[in-house]
């Protein structure tokens, strides 16, 4: 049963990230992937820790999908003067 729950949470998390990239929300998607990697690394000691990290990452993904972060845009300077 645990494997089914963790599988659904991981699939859901990746689908949310996929939607972000499809909507060209690259900064938000990259932030989401980085947070997933950091949380997974922090809780990688046990199976229970990985379950907690995956569910937490899915909740963070939902929050960032509903409330996009206001990240600075990095536009190259214009060459024309």
Protein backbone atom coordinates (compact mmCIF):
# COMPACT_ATOMS: atom_id res chain seq x y z
CA UNK A 1 0.00 0.00 0.00
CA UNK A 2 2.84 2.38 0.84
CA UNK A 3 4.41 1.85 -2.56
CA UNK A 4 1.14 2.76 -4.27
CA UNK A 5 0.88 5.99 -2.27
CA UNK A 6 4.49 6.97 -2.88
CA UNK A 7 4.16 6.10 -6.57
CA UNK A 8 1.07 8.30 -6.92
CA UNK A 9 2.75 11.16 -5.06
CA UNK A 10 5.87 10.99 -7.26
CA UNK A 11 3.82 10.77 -10.46
CA UNK A 12 1.66 13.69 -9.37
CA UNK A 13 4.73 15.75 -8.51
CA UNK A 14 6.35 15.10 -11.89
CA UNK A 15 3.11 15.87 -13.74
CA UNK A 16 2.85 19.24 -11.98
CA UNK A 17 6.46 20.03 -12.92
CA UNK A 18 5.74 18.96 -16.53
CA UNK A 19 2.75 21.33 -16.67
CA UNK A 20 4.92 24.17 -15.41
CA UNK A 21 7.48 23.64 -18.15
CA UNK A 22 4.74 23.33 -20.80
CA UNK A 23 3.32 26.69 -19.68
CA UNK A 24 6.82 28.18 -20.04
CA UNK A 25 7.17 28.77 -16.30
CA UNK A 26 10.81 27.73 -16.44
CA UNK A 27 12.01 29.54 -13.31
CA UNK A 28 9.15 28.05 -11.30
CA UNK A 29 9.81 24.58 -12.70
CA UNK A 30 13.53 24.74 -12.01
CA UNK A 31 12.84 25.98 -8.46
CA UNK A 32 10.46 23.06 -7.98
CA UNK A 33 13.02 20.51 -9.23
CA UNK A 34 15.74 22.00 -7.00
CA UNK A 35 13.47 21.87 -3.95
CA UNK A 36 12.59 18.25 -4.77
CA UNK A 37 16.28 17.36 -4.98
CA UNK A 38 17.15 19.14 -1.73
CA UNK A 39 14.26 17.61 0.23
CA UNK A 40 15.04 14.15 -1.14
CA UNK A 41 18.70 14.53 -0.16
CA UNK A 42 17.82 15.71 3.36
CA UNK A 43 15.42 12.82 4.03
CA UNK A 44 17.30 10.06 2.20
CA UNK A 45 18.19 8.03 5.29
CA UNK A 46 15.11 5.82 5.37
CA UNK A 47 12.04 4.80 3.41
CA UNK A 48 9.83 6.81 5.76
CA UNK A 49 11.99 9.86 5.19
CA UNK A 50 11.68 9.52 1.43
CA UNK A 51 7.89 9.22 1.76
CA UNK A 52 7.80 12.39 3.84
CA UNK A 53 10.05 14.17 1.33
CA UNK A 54 7.95 13.12 -1.64
CA UNK A 55 4.66 14.18 -0.06
CA UNK A 56 6.20 17.46 1.09
CA UNK A 57 7.55 18.11 -2.39
CA UNK A 58 4.13 17.40 -3.93
CA UNK A 59 2.53 19.91 -1.55
CA UNK A 60 5.20 22.50 -2.40
CA UNK A 61 4.59 21.85 -6.12
CA UNK A 62 0.88 22.50 -5.67
CA UNK A 63 1.53 25.66 -3.72
CA UNK A 64 3.95 26.99 -6.34
CA UNK A 65 1.47 26.10 -9.08
CA UNK A 66 -1.29 28.07 -7.37
CA UNK A 67 0.93 30.97 -6.24
CA UNK A 68 3.84 31.43 -8.68
CA UNK A 69 6.92 32.92 -7.05
CA UNK A 70 8.03 36.35 -8.17
CA UNK A 71 11.55 35.58 -9.32
CA UNK A 72 13.80 38.13 -10.99
CA UNK A 73 13.86 37.90 -14.76
CA UNK A 74 17.28 37.66 -16.29
CA UNK A 75 17.11 39.46 -19.62
CA UNK A 76 20.31 40.11 -21.52
CA UNK A 77 21.17 43.77 -21.93
CA UNK A 78 20.20 45.32 -25.21
CA UNK A 79 23.07 45.83 -27.66
CA UNK A 80 21.39 48.68 -29.51
CA UNK A 81 21.91 52.18 -28.15
